[in-house]
C-alpha atoms as a PDB file:
ATOM      1  CA  MET A   1      -0.211   0.189  -0.017  1.00  0.00           C
ATOM      2  CA  SER A   2       1.043   3.570  -0.444  1.00  0.00           C
ATOM      3  CA  PHE A   3       0.939   6.098   2.175  1.00  0.00           C
ATOM      4  CA  PRO A   4       0.740   9.725   1.827  1.00  0.00           C
ATOM      5  CA  SER A   5       3.776  11.557   2.377  1.00  0.00           C
ATOM      6  CA  HIS A   6       2.293  14.897   2.987  1.00  0.00           C
ATOM      7  CA  ARG A   7      -0.061  15.006   5.845  1.00  0.00           C
ATOM      8  CA  PRO A   8      -1.553  18.523   6.510  1.00  0.00           C
ATOM      9  CA  ARG A   9      -3.673  17.023   9.304  1.00  0.00           C
ATOM     10  CA  ARG A  10      -0.616  16.896  11.497  1.00  0.00           C
ATOM     11  CA  LEU A  11      -0.990  20.534  11.903  1.00  0.00           C
ATOM     12  CA  ARG A  12      -4.724  20.105  13.229  1.00  0.00           C
ATOM     13  CA  VAL A  13      -3.992  17.598  15.689  1.00  0.00           C
ATOM     14  CA  ASN A  14      -4.530  19.521  18.848  1.00  0.00           C
ATOM     15  CA  PRO A  15      -5.602  23.080  20.161  1.00  0.00           C
ATOM     16  CA  ALA A  16      -2.188  23.907  20.557  1.00  0.00           C
ATOM     17  CA  VAL A  17      -1.094  22.921  17.400  1.00  0.00           C
ATOM     18  CA  ARG A  18      -3.973  24.548  15.466  1.00  0.00           C
ATOM     19  CA  ARG A  19      -3.352  27.718  17.661  1.00  0.00           C
ATOM     20  CA  LEU A  20       0.406  27.947  16.650  1.00  0.00           C
ATOM     21  CA  VAL A  21      -0.226  28.000  13.149  1.00  0.00           C
ATOM     22  CA  GLY A  22      -3.354  29.581  12.642  1.00  0.00           C
ATOM     23  CA  GLU A  23      -3.444  32.197   9.898  1.00  0.00           C
ATOM     24  CA  ASN A  24      -5.875  34.697  11.582  1.00  0.00           C
ATOM     25  CA  ARG A  25      -6.780  36.104  14.968  1.00  0.00           C
ATOM     26  CA  LEU A  26      -9.176  38.321  16.335  1.00  0.00           C
ATOM     27  CA  HIS A  27      -8.107  41.295  18.877  1.00  0.00           C
ATOM     28  CA  PRO A  28      -9.884  43.504  20.916  1.00  0.00           C
ATOM     29  CA  ALA A  29      -8.275  46.494  19.316  1.00  0.00           C
ATOM     30  CA  GLU A  30      -9.735  45.550  15.893  1.00  0.00           C
ATOM     31  CA  LEU A  31     -12.993  45.410  16.834  1.00  0.00           C
ATOM     32  CA  ILE A  32     -15.475  48.371  17.357  1.00  0.00           C
ATOM     33  CA  LEU A  33     -18.405  48.559  19.549  1.00  0.00           C
ATOM     34  CA  PRO A  34     -21.831  50.283  17.369  1.00  0.00           C
ATOM     35  CA  VAL A  35     -24.242  51.790  20.128  1.00  0.00           C
ATOM     36  CA  PHE A  36     -27.561  53.268  19.805  1.00  0.00           C
ATOM     37  CA  VAL A  37     -28.018  56.402  22.842  1.00  0.00           C
ATOM     38  CA  LYS A  38     -31.867  57.489  22.841  1.00  0.00           C
ATOM     39  CA  GLU A  39     -32.881  60.950  23.885  1.00  0.00           C
ATOM     40  CA  GLY A  40     -34.886  61.186  26.824  1.00  0.00           C
ATOM     41  CA  LEU A  41     -34.109  57.501  27.925  1.00  0.00           C
ATOM     42  CA  GLN A  42     -33.827  56.816  31.441  1.00  0.00           C
ATOM     43  CA  GLU A  43     -32.711  53.512  31.373  1.00  0.00           C
ATOM     44  CA  PRO A  44     -31.548  50.972  28.073  1.00  0.00           C
ATOM     45  CA  HIS A  45     -34.669  49.561  26.165  1.00  0.00           C
ATOM     46  CA  PRO A  46     -33.958  46.171  24.985  1.00  0.00           C
ATOM     47  CA  LEU A  47     -34.621  45.741  21.078  1.00  0.00           C
ATOM     48  CA  SER A  48     -36.924  42.963  20.081  1.00  0.00           C
ATOM     49  CA  ALA A  49     -35.051  42.131  16.786  1.00  0.00           C
ATOM     50  CA  MET A  50     -31.606  42.244  18.164  1.00  0.00           C
ATOM     51  CA  PRO A  51     -31.676  40.019  21.459  1.00  0.00           C
ATOM     52  CA  GLY A  52     -29.091  41.636  23.820  1.00  0.00           C
ATOM     53  CA  VAL A  53     -28.556  44.798  22.098  1.00  0.00           C
ATOM     54  CA  SER A  54     -30.494  47.742  23.587  1.00  0.00           C
ATOM     55  CA  GLN A  55     -31.253  51.525  23.188  1.00  0.00           C
ATOM     56  CA  HIS A  56     -28.903  53.261  25.707  1.00  0.00           C
ATOM     57  CA  SER A  57     -29.378  56.396  28.137  1.00  0.00           C
ATOM     58  CA  ARG A  58     -26.595  58.878  28.356  1.00  0.00           C
ATOM     59  CA  GLU A  59     -26.155  57.186  31.644  1.00  0.00           C
ATOM     60  CA  SER A  60     -25.808  53.592  30.535  1.00  0.00           C
ATOM     61  CA  LEU A  61     -23.946  54.806  27.501  1.00  0.00           C
ATOM     62  CA  ARG A  62     -21.236  55.971  29.781  1.00  0.00           C
ATOM     63  CA  ARG A  63     -21.023  53.228  31.660  1.00  0.00           C
ATOM     64  CA  THR A  64     -20.925  50.777  28.555  1.00  0.00           C
ATOM     65  CA  ALA A  65     -17.551  53.075  27.118  1.00  0.00           C
ATOM     66  CA  ALA A  66     -15.797  52.677  30.250  1.00  0.00           C
ATOM     67  CA  GLU A  67     -16.645  49.064  29.971  1.00  0.00           C
ATOM     68  CA  ALA A  68     -15.490  48.934  26.339  1.00  0.00           C
ATOM     69  CA  ALA A  69     -11.967  50.837  26.993  1.00  0.00           C
ATOM     70  CA  GLY A  70     -11.297  48.261  30.044  1.00  0.00           C
ATOM     71  CA  LEU A  71     -11.908  45.552  27.512  1.00  0.00           C
ATOM     72  CA  GLY A  72      -9.368  47.346  25.004  1.00  0.00           C
ATOM     73  CA  LEU A  73     -11.788  47.723  21.780  1.00  0.00           C
ATOM     74  CA  GLY A  74     -10.355  49.630  19.413  1.00  0.00           C
ATOM     75  CA  GLY A  75     -13.696  51.879  19.376  1.00  0.00           C
ATOM     76  CA  ILE A  76     -17.093  52.637  19.871  1.00  0.00           C
ATOM     77  CA  MET A  77     -19.360  53.934  16.967  1.00  0.00           C
ATOM     78  CA  LEU A  78     -22.204  56.465  18.066  1.00  0.00           C
ATOM     79  CA  PHE A  79     -25.535  56.331  16.797  1.00  0.00           C
ATOM     80  CA  GLY A  80     -27.859  59.206  18.130  1.00  0.00           C
ATOM     81  CA  ILE A  81     -31.795  58.996  18.127  1.00  0.00           C
ATOM     82  CA  PRO A  82     -33.476  62.301  18.904  1.00  0.00           C
ATOM     83  CA  THR A  83     -36.882  62.704  20.146  1.00  0.00           C
ATOM     84  CA  ALA A  84     -38.001  65.294  17.379  1.00  0.00           C
ATOM     85  CA  LYS A  85     -36.990  64.839  13.843  1.00  0.00           C
ATOM     86  CA  ASP A  86     -37.687  67.568  10.980  1.00  0.00           C
ATOM     87  CA  ALA A  87     -36.947  67.664   6.781  1.00  0.00           C
ATOM     88  CA  VAL A  88     -33.574  68.997   7.101  1.00  0.00           C
ATOM     89  CA  GLY A  89     -32.245  67.015  10.085  1.00  0.00           C
ATOM     90  CA  SER A  90     -31.890  69.918  12.516  1.00  0.00           C
ATOM     91  CA  GLY A  91     -30.837  67.883  15.528  1.00  0.00           C
ATOM     92  CA  ALA A  92     -27.633  66.682  13.610  1.00  0.00           C
ATOM     93  CA  THR A  93     -25.809  69.953  13.919  1.00  0.00           C
ATOM     94  CA  ASP A  94     -27.698  71.284  17.317  1.00  0.00           C
ATOM     95  CA  PRO A  95     -24.800  71.338  20.079  1.00  0.00           C
ATOM     96  CA  ASP A  96     -27.311  69.720  22.484  1.00  0.00           C
ATOM     97  CA  GLY A  97     -28.523  67.092  20.350  1.00  0.00           C
ATOM     98  CA  ILE A  98     -28.373  63.546  21.352  1.00  0.00           C
ATOM     99  CA  LEU A  99     -25.281  62.500  19.260  1.00  0.00           C
ATOM    100  CA  ASN A 100     -23.404  65.437  20.167  1.00  0.00           C
ATOM    101  CA  GLN A 101     -23.815  65.162  23.844  1.00  0.00           C
ATOM    102  CA  ALA A 102     -23.380  61.404  23.481  1.00  0.00           C
ATOM    103  CA  VAL A 103     -19.945  62.070  21.816  1.00  0.00           C
ATOM    104  CA  ALA A 104     -19.087  64.902  24.408  1.00  0.00           C
ATOM    105  CA  ASP A 105     -20.354  61.975  27.746  1.00  0.00           C
ATOM    106  CA  VAL A 106     -18.135  59.252  26.516  1.00  0.00           C
ATOM    107  CA  ARG A 107     -15.078  61.767  25.653  1.00  0.00           C
ATOM    108  CA  LYS A 108     -15.366  62.875  29.141  1.00  0.00           C
ATOM    109  CA  GLU A 109     -16.049  59.338  30.459  1.00  0.00           C
ATOM    110  CA  VAL A 110     -12.842  57.638  28.882  1.00  0.00           C
ATOM    111  CA  GLY A 111     -10.828  60.334  26.965  1.00  0.00           C
ATOM    112  CA  ASP A 112      -8.297  58.786  24.554  1.00  0.00           C
ATOM    113  CA  GLU A 113      -8.634  55.560  26.044  1.00  0.00           C
ATOM    114  CA  LEU A 114     -11.524  54.644  23.211  1.00  0.00           C
ATOM    115  CA  VAL A 115     -11.606  56.022  20.113  1.00  0.00           C
ATOM    116  CA  VAL A 116     -14.772  57.881  19.875  1.00  0.00           C
ATOM    117  CA  MET A 117     -16.440  57.379  16.613  1.00  0.00           C
ATOM    118  CA  ALA A 118     -19.773  58.827  15.568  1.00  0.00           C
ATOM    119  CA  ASP A 119     -22.458  58.083  12.447  1.00  0.00           C
ATOM    120  CA  LEU A 120     -21.827  61.441  10.231  1.00  0.00           C
ATOM    121  CA  CYS A 121     -25.573  60.709   8.604  1.00  0.00           C
ATOM    122  CA  LEU A 122     -29.245  62.665   8.664  1.00  0.00           C
ATOM    123  CA  ASP A 123     -31.355  59.676   8.114  1.00  0.00           C
ATOM    124  CA  GLU A 124     -32.060  59.426  11.961  1.00  0.00           C
ATOM    125  CA  PHE A 125     -32.859  62.960  12.662  1.00  0.00           C
ATOM    126  CA  THR A 126     -35.179  63.622   9.370  1.00  0.00           C
ATOM    127  CA  ASP A 127     -38.624  62.881   9.426  1.00  0.00           C
ATOM    128  CA  HIS A 128     -38.077  61.287   6.213  1.00  0.00           C
ATOM    129  CA  GLY A 129     -36.107  58.934   7.065  1.00  0.00           C
ATOM    130  CA  HIS A 130     -33.403  59.517   4.154  1.00  0.00           C
ATOM    131  CA  CYS A 131     -30.121  60.386   4.776  1.00  0.00           C
ATOM    132  CA  GLY A 132     -30.237  63.764   3.160  1.00  0.00           C
ATOM    133  CA  VAL A 133     -32.179  66.626   2.109  1.00  0.00           C
ATOM    134  CA  LEU A 134     -35.014  66.099  -0.202  1.00  0.00           C
ATOM    135  CA  THR A 135     -35.894  67.920  -3.506  1.00  0.00           C
ATOM    136  CA  PRO A 136     -39.109  69.727  -3.536  1.00  0.00           C
ATOM    137  CA  GLU A 137     -39.919  66.356  -5.746  1.00  0.00           C
ATOM    138  CA  GLY A 138     -38.733  64.361  -3.176  1.00  0.00           C
ATOM    139  CA  ALA A 139     -35.635  63.116  -3.987  1.00  0.00           C
ATOM    140  CA  VAL A 140     -32.535  63.219  -2.173  1.00  0.00           C
ATOM    141  CA  ASP A 141     -30.607  66.485  -3.025  1.00  0.00           C
ATOM    142  CA  ASN A 142     -26.784  65.737  -3.359  1.00  0.00           C
ATOM    143  CA  ASP A 143     -25.111  68.829  -3.043  1.00  0.00           C
ATOM    144  CA  ALA A 144     -27.252  70.529  -0.559  1.00  0.00           C
ATOM    145  CA  THR A 145     -27.024  67.338   1.604  1.00  0.00           C
ATOM    146  CA  LEU A 146     -23.216  67.929   1.701  1.00  0.00           C
ATOM    147  CA  LEU A 147     -23.865  71.236   3.114  1.00  0.00           C
ATOM    148  CA  ARG A 148     -25.287  69.455   5.852  1.00  0.00           C
ATOM    149  CA  TYR A 149     -23.219  66.926   6.203  1.00  0.00           C
ATOM    150  CA  ALA A 150     -20.375  69.693   6.435  1.00  0.00           C
ATOM    151  CA  ASP A 151     -21.697  71.232   9.221  1.00  0.00           C
ATOM    152  CA  MET A 152     -22.595  68.066  10.923  1.00  0.00           C
ATOM    153  CA  GLY A 153     -19.037  66.867  10.803  1.00  0.00           C
ATOM    154  CA  VAL A 154     -17.892  70.501  12.456  1.00  0.00           C
ATOM    155  CA  ALA A 155     -20.314  70.104  15.201  1.00  0.00           C
ATOM    156  CA  LEU A 156     -19.207  66.494  16.144  1.00  0.00           C
ATOM    157  CA  ALA A 157     -15.587  67.513  15.992  1.00  0.00           C
ATOM    158  CA  GLU A 158     -16.687  70.438  18.519  1.00  0.00           C
ATOM    159  CA  ALA A 159     -18.109  67.910  20.797  1.00  0.00           C
ATOM    160  CA  GLY A 160     -14.938  66.044  20.862  1.00  0.00           C
ATOM    161  CA  VAL A 161     -15.355  62.917  18.370  1.00  0.00           C
ATOM    162  CA  HIS A 162     -11.759  61.302  17.647  1.00  0.00           C
ATOM    163  CA  MET A 163     -13.674  59.679  14.044  1.00  0.00           C
ATOM    164  CA  VAL A 164     -16.419  60.476  11.833  1.00  0.00           C
ATOM    165  CA  GLY A 165     -18.458  57.970   9.682  1.00  0.00           C
ATOM    166  CA  PRO A 166     -19.939  59.615   7.005  1.00  0.00           C
ATOM    167  CA  SER A 167     -22.205  57.151   5.832  1.00  0.00           C
ATOM    168  CA  GLY A 168     -24.599  58.345   3.619  1.00  0.00           C
ATOM    169  CA  MET A 169     -23.134  57.456   0.088  1.00  0.00           C
ATOM    170  CA  MET A 170     -23.484  61.174  -1.006  1.00  0.00           C
ATOM    171  CA  ASP A 171     -20.885  61.945  -4.185  1.00  0.00           C
ATOM    172  CA  GLY A 172     -18.157  63.982  -2.711  1.00  0.00           C
ATOM    173  CA  GLN A 173     -19.198  63.638   0.899  1.00  0.00           C
ATOM    174  CA  VAL A 174     -15.713  62.883   2.394  1.00  0.00           C
ATOM    175  CA  ALA A 175     -14.071  65.942   0.339  1.00  0.00           C
ATOM    176  CA  ALA A 176     -16.825  68.377   2.009  1.00  0.00           C
ATOM    177  CA  VAL A 177     -16.627  66.650   5.661  1.00  0.00           C
ATOM    178  CA  ARG A 178     -12.650  67.072   5.201  1.00  0.00           C
ATOM    179  CA  THR A 179     -12.634  70.572   3.843  1.00  0.00           C
ATOM    180  CA  ALA A 180     -15.000  71.766   7.053  1.00  0.00           C
ATOM    181  CA  LEU A 181     -13.144  69.958   9.347  1.00  0.00           C
ATOM    182  CA  ASP A 182      -9.623  71.454   8.043  1.00  0.00           C
ATOM    183  CA  GLY A 183     -11.360  75.215   7.590  1.00  0.00           C
ATOM    184  CA  LYS A 184     -11.979  74.998  11.274  1.00  0.00           C
ATOM    185  CA  GLY A 185      -8.983  73.951  12.888  1.00  0.00           C
ATOM    186  CA  PHE A 186      -9.934  69.593  13.252  1.00  0.00           C
ATOM    187  CA  GLN A 187      -7.289  68.401  10.923  1.00  0.00           C
ATOM    188  CA  ASP A 188      -6.592  65.575  13.615  1.00  0.00           C
ATOM    189  CA  VAL A 189     -10.277  64.544  13.345  1.00  0.00           C
ATOM    190  CA  SER A 190     -10.460  61.474  11.119  1.00  0.00           C
ATOM    191  CA  ILE A 191     -12.860  60.184   8.535  1.00  0.00           C
ATOM    192  CA  LEU A 192     -13.810  56.199   8.162  1.00  0.00           C
ATOM    193  CA  ALA A 193     -15.614  56.627   5.284  1.00  0.00           C
ATOM    194  CA  TYR A 194     -18.951  54.027   4.130  1.00  0.00           C
ATOM    195  CA  GLY A 195     -17.165  53.443   0.900  1.00  0.00           C
ATOM    196  CA  ALA A 196     -19.128  50.725  -0.364  1.00  0.00           C
ATOM    197  CA  LYS A 197     -22.350  50.586   1.752  1.00  0.00           C
ATOM    198  CA  TYR A 198     -25.003  48.343  -0.365  1.00  0.00           C
ATOM    199  CA  ALA A 199     -28.736  48.617  -0.414  1.00  0.00           C
ATOM    200  CA  SER A 200     -29.252  45.620   1.734  1.00  0.00           C
ATOM    201  CA  ALA A 201     -31.835  43.345   2.986  1.00  0.00           C
ATOM    202  CA  PHE A 202     -30.099  42.798   6.051  1.00  0.00           C
ATOM    203  CA  TYR A 203     -30.573  46.360   7.475  1.00  0.00           C
ATOM    204  CA  GLY A 204     -34.055  45.313   8.869  1.00  0.00           C
ATOM    205  CA  PRO A 205     -33.433  44.955  12.295  1.00  0.00           C
ATOM    206  CA  PHE A 206     -31.256  48.526  12.406  1.00  0.00           C
ATOM    207  CA  ARG A 207     -34.658  49.937  11.492  1.00  0.00           C
ATOM    208  CA  GLU A 208     -36.053  49.573  15.124  1.00  0.00           C
ATOM    209  CA  ALA A 209     -32.748  50.254  16.597  1.00  0.00           C
ATOM    210  CA  VAL A 210     -32.720  53.858  15.569  1.00  0.00           C
ATOM    211  CA  ASP A 211     -36.665  54.677  15.592  1.00  0.00           C
ATOM    212  CA  SER A 212     -36.378  54.785  11.822  1.00  0.00           C
ATOM    213  CA  SER A 213     -39.231  57.103   9.681  1.00  0.00           C
ATOM    214  CA  LEU A 214     -37.735  55.694   6.253  1.00  0.00           C
ATOM    215  CA  GLU A 215     -40.141  56.235   3.297  1.00  0.00           C
ATOM    216  CA  GLY A 216     -39.709  54.742   0.472  1.00  0.00           C
ATOM    217  CA  ASP A 217     -35.929  52.822  -0.149  1.00  0.00           C
ATOM    218  CA  ARG A 218     -32.263  54.067  -0.525  1.00  0.00           C
ATOM    219  CA  ARG A 219     -31.730  52.662  -3.880  1.00  0.00           C
ATOM    220  CA  THR A 220     -30.926  55.618  -5.776  1.00  0.00           C
ATOM    221  CA  TYR A 221     -27.901  56.581  -3.464  1.00  0.00           C
ATOM    222  CA  GLN A 222     -26.928  53.271  -1.645  1.00  0.00           C
ATOM    223  CA  GLN A 223     -24.845  50.717  -3.995  1.00  0.00           C
ATOM    224  CA  ASP A 224     -26.612  47.928  -6.151  1.00  0.00           C
ATOM    225  CA  PRO A 225     -26.082  44.398  -4.371  1.00  0.00           C
ATOM    226  CA  ALA A 226     -25.069  42.984  -8.005  1.00  0.00           C
ATOM    227  CA  ASN A 227     -21.650  45.531  -8.227  1.00  0.00           C
ATOM    228  CA  GLY A 228     -18.668  45.056  -6.647  1.00  0.00           C
ATOM    229  CA  ALA A 229     -16.098  46.838  -9.152  1.00  0.00           C
ATOM    230  CA  GLU A 230     -18.481  49.758  -8.289  1.00  0.00           C
ATOM    231  CA  GLY A 231     -17.854  49.568  -4.683  1.00  0.00           C
ATOM    232  CA  LEU A 232     -13.984  49.348  -5.430  1.00  0.00           C
ATOM    233  CA  ARG A 233     -14.303  52.915  -7.208  1.00  0.00           C
ATOM    234  CA  GLU A 234     -16.559  54.168  -4.853  1.00  0.00           C
ATOM    235  CA  MET A 235     -13.665  53.625  -2.270  1.00  0.00           C
ATOM    236  CA  GLU A 236     -11.022  54.831  -4.345  1.00  0.00           C
ATOM    237  CA  LEU A 237     -12.799  58.211  -4.964  1.00  0.00           C
ATOM    238  CA  ASP A 238     -13.265  58.293  -0.971  1.00  0.00           C
ATOM    239  CA  ILE A 239      -9.484  57.901  -0.585  1.00  0.00           C
ATOM    240  CA  ALA A 240      -8.531  60.495  -3.101  1.00  0.00           C
ATOM    241  CA  GLU A 241     -10.925  63.338  -1.058  1.00  0.00           C
ATOM    242  CA  GLY A 242      -9.076  62.043   2.034  1.00  0.00           C
ATOM    243  CA  ALA A 243     -10.531  59.501   3.948  1.00  0.00           C
ATOM    244  CA  ASP A 244      -8.282  57.766   6.337  1.00  0.00           C
ATOM    245  CA  LEU A 245      -9.877  54.246   6.631  1.00  0.00           C
ATOM    246  CA  VAL A 246     -12.522  52.784   4.045  1.00  0.00           C
ATOM    247  CA  MET A 247     -15.377  50.375   5.070  1.00  0.00           C
ATOM    248  CA  VAL A 248     -17.494  47.819   3.489  1.00  0.00           C
ATOM    249  CA  LYS A 249     -21.218  47.378   4.777  1.00  0.00           C
ATOM    250  CA  PRO A 250     -22.685  44.701   5.236  1.00  0.00           C
ATOM    251  CA  ALA A 251     -19.879  42.417   5.481  1.00  0.00           C
ATOM    252  CA  MET A 252     -21.389  38.956   5.255  1.00  0.00           C
ATOM    253  CA  SER A 253     -22.985  39.144   2.013  1.00  0.00           C
ATOM    254  CA  TYR A 254     -19.769  41.404   0.751  1.00  0.00           C
ATOM    255  CA  LEU A 255     -16.503  39.478   1.792  1.00  0.00           C
ATOM    256  CA  ASP A 256     -15.704  39.672  -2.010  1.00  0.00           C
ATOM    257  CA  VAL A 257     -15.300  43.389  -2.042  1.00  0.00           C
ATOM    258  CA  VAL A 258     -13.585  43.528   1.388  1.00  0.00           C
ATOM    259  CA  ALA A 259     -10.698  40.945  -0.102  1.00  0.00           C
ATOM    260  CA  ARG A 260     -10.453  43.087  -3.406  1.00  0.00           C
ATOM    261  CA  ALA A 261     -10.581  46.518  -1.647  1.00  0.00           C
ATOM    262  CA  ALA A 262      -7.831  44.997   1.010  1.00  0.00           C
ATOM    263  CA  ASP A 263      -5.692  43.907  -2.013  1.00  0.00           C
ATOM    264  CA  ARG A 264      -5.923  47.166  -3.833  1.00  0.00           C
ATOM    265  CA  PHE A 265      -5.532  49.857  -1.088  1.00  0.00           C
ATOM    266  CA  ASP A 266      -3.162  50.538   1.158  1.00  0.00           C
ATOM    267  CA  VAL A 267      -5.424  52.357   3.815  1.00  0.00           C
ATOM    268  CA  PRO A 268      -7.075  50.560   6.498  1.00  0.00           C
ATOM    269  CA  ILE A 269     -10.264  48.228   5.585  1.00  0.00           C
ATOM    270  CA  ALA A 270     -13.187  48.309   7.761  1.00  0.00           C
ATOM    271  CA  ALA A 271     -16.228  46.037   7.604  1.00  0.00           C
ATOM    272  CA  TYR A 272     -19.411  46.205   9.359  1.00  0.00           C
ATOM    273  CA  GLN A 273     -21.587  42.785  10.550  1.00  0.00           C
ATOM    274  CA  ILE A 274     -24.747  44.615  10.834  1.00  0.00           C
ATOM    275  CA  SER A 275     -27.958  44.029  12.436  1.00  0.00           C
ATOM    276  CA  GLY A 276     -29.300  41.125  10.107  1.00  0.00           C
ATOM    277  CA  GLU A 277     -26.291  39.195  10.550  1.00  0.00           C
ATOM    278  CA  TYR A 278     -26.148  39.751  14.170  1.00  0.00           C
ATOM    279  CA  SER A 279     -30.036  39.040  14.163  1.00  0.00           C
ATOM    280  CA  MET A 280     -29.673  35.733  12.365  1.00  0.00           C
ATOM    281  CA  ILE A 281     -27.129  34.101  14.388  1.00  0.00           C
ATOM    282  CA  GLU A 282     -29.276  34.993  17.355  1.00  0.00           C
ATOM    283  CA  ALA A 283     -32.368  33.352  16.149  1.00  0.00           C
ATOM    284  CA  ALA A 284     -30.914  30.261  14.921  1.00  0.00           C
ATOM    285  CA  ALA A 285     -29.008  29.909  17.930  1.00  0.00           C
ATOM    286  CA  ALA A 286     -32.187  30.201  20.175  1.00  0.00           C
ATOM    287  CA  ASN A 287     -33.675  27.270  17.597  1.00  0.00           C
ATOM    288  CA  GLY A 288     -30.742  25.668  18.548  1.00  0.00           C
ATOM    289  CA  TRP A 289     -29.966  25.368  15.338  1.00  0.00           C
ATOM    290  CA  ILE A 290     -26.387  26.355  15.605  1.00  0.00           C
ATOM    291  CA  ASP A 291     -23.596  26.515  18.275  1.00  0.00           C
ATOM    292  CA  ARG A 292     -23.988  30.353  18.873  1.00  0.00           C
ATOM    293  CA  GLU A 293     -20.527  30.907  20.141  1.00  0.00           C
ATOM    294  CA  ARG A 294     -18.637  28.705  17.630  1.00  0.00           C
ATOM    295  CA  ALA A 295     -20.961  30.988  14.826  1.00  0.00           C
ATOM    296  CA  ILE A 296     -19.992  34.070  16.255  1.00  0.00           C
ATOM    297  CA  HIS A 297     -16.090  33.538  16.349  1.00  0.00           C
ATOM    298  CA  GLU A 298     -16.403  32.044  13.088  1.00  0.00           C
ATOM    299  CA  SER A 299     -18.197  34.956  11.467  1.00  0.00           C
ATOM    300  CA  LEU A 300     -15.945  37.530  12.458  1.00  0.00           C
ATOM    301  CA  LEU A 301     -12.975  35.270  11.576  1.00  0.00           C
ATOM    302  CA  SER A 302     -14.152  34.864   8.027  1.00  0.00           C
ATOM    303  CA  ILE A 303     -14.475  39.124   7.834  1.00  0.00           C
ATOM    304  CA  ARG A 304     -10.827  39.148   9.337  1.00  0.00           C
ATOM    305  CA  ARG A 305      -9.541  36.332   6.870  1.00  0.00           C
ATOM    306  CA  ALA A 306     -11.118  38.498   3.690  1.00  0.00           C
ATOM    307  CA  GLY A 307      -8.963  41.425   4.721  1.00  0.00           C
ATOM    308  CA  ALA A 308     -10.281  43.484   7.048  1.00  0.00           C
ATOM    309  CA  SER A 309      -8.399  45.199   9.730  1.00  0.00           C
ATOM    310  CA  VAL A 310     -11.234  46.644  11.447  1.00  0.00           C
ATOM    311  CA  ILE A 311     -14.343  45.163  12.295  1.00  0.00           C
ATOM    312  CA  LEU A 312     -17.667  46.659  13.426  1.00  0.00           C
ATOM    313  CA  THR A 313     -19.809  44.538  15.415  1.00  0.00           C
ATOM    314  CA  TYR A 314     -22.654  43.915  18.237  1.00  0.00           C
ATOM    315  CA  TYR A 315     -20.265  41.220  19.554  1.00  0.00           C
ATOM    316  CA  ALA A 316     -17.278  43.480  20.062  1.00  0.00           C
ATOM    317  CA  MET A 317     -17.734  43.642  24.008  1.00  0.00           C
ATOM    318  CA  GLU A 318     -18.746  39.861  24.364  1.00  0.00           C
ATOM    319  CA  VAL A 319     -15.966  38.487  21.197  1.00  0.00           C
ATOM    320  CA  ALA A 320     -13.449  41.040  23.633  1.00  0.00           C
ATOM    321  CA  ALA A 321     -14.152  39.216  27.105  1.00  0.00           C
ATOM    322  CA  ALA A 322     -13.671  35.731  25.448  1.00  0.00           C
ATOM    323  CA  LEU A 323     -10.081  36.580  23.996  1.00  0.00           C
ATOM    324  CA  ARG A 324      -8.961  38.158  27.193  1.00  0.00           C
ATOM    325  CA  SER A 325     -10.437  34.995  29.115  1.00  0.00           C
END
């Protein structure tokens, strides 16, 4: 009988060997925790579609930020939910608006121990739920929206944000925000550009998380799921306009775009494991169909393996605690 001389299984014989030769690893410093903070809440409000995730009060947000810093997370991404909305998203640029207050709260709590990030978009603040200002005909006005983004970026910088995340997929949004920040002396505030943000069905649970008032859909500005090269073109433009990092969102269905971006660009690549990805794991685990902890770890490793050096995930604190232990 002829036996194989090459036996790859030798490198899988026990956990110690598998750990020794593992090609990719997760680290808390690469994980970003997305957090929702709602104006007027006195205590956290659990989300039915995302078991284990809540809308936070300002006080519970501070506690969460302190815990995230203690676990060594890379950062926290803040989403603000106001009690009042209007057509132009006035709350986004109000110094006393919930998102700007949240940024100031977290900076006061953690200082520079954690990268404090904020989603730079109008959808949580507009009564129509779109990411920008509308024309009289109801279309999103790209260039009028850029003026609002520029003002929002400055407001967040004045509140103390380390990094802003323009996520509305408006043409020229990174250049508009970078120019506004630099013009006000905020050259050190960095930009994590949502470079390839797709019009995905997996955003569903996020609508509950931010009390969305969306009318219609966002397919005229978010990307078509059929297109990969277009995503790379969008990221290339964002980098040329001054983005410090670029992101692919969602992660799960677009790992090919993550991999192509990592091969092509020399800036850090981020990927967002979004609400629908989280909810699917939780629902399947609750029904006993999958091993929850293994599924969480495997899903994040797949994003890391594809080439993302930064991962936004609602599992950030749980995974960081597990890695530490």
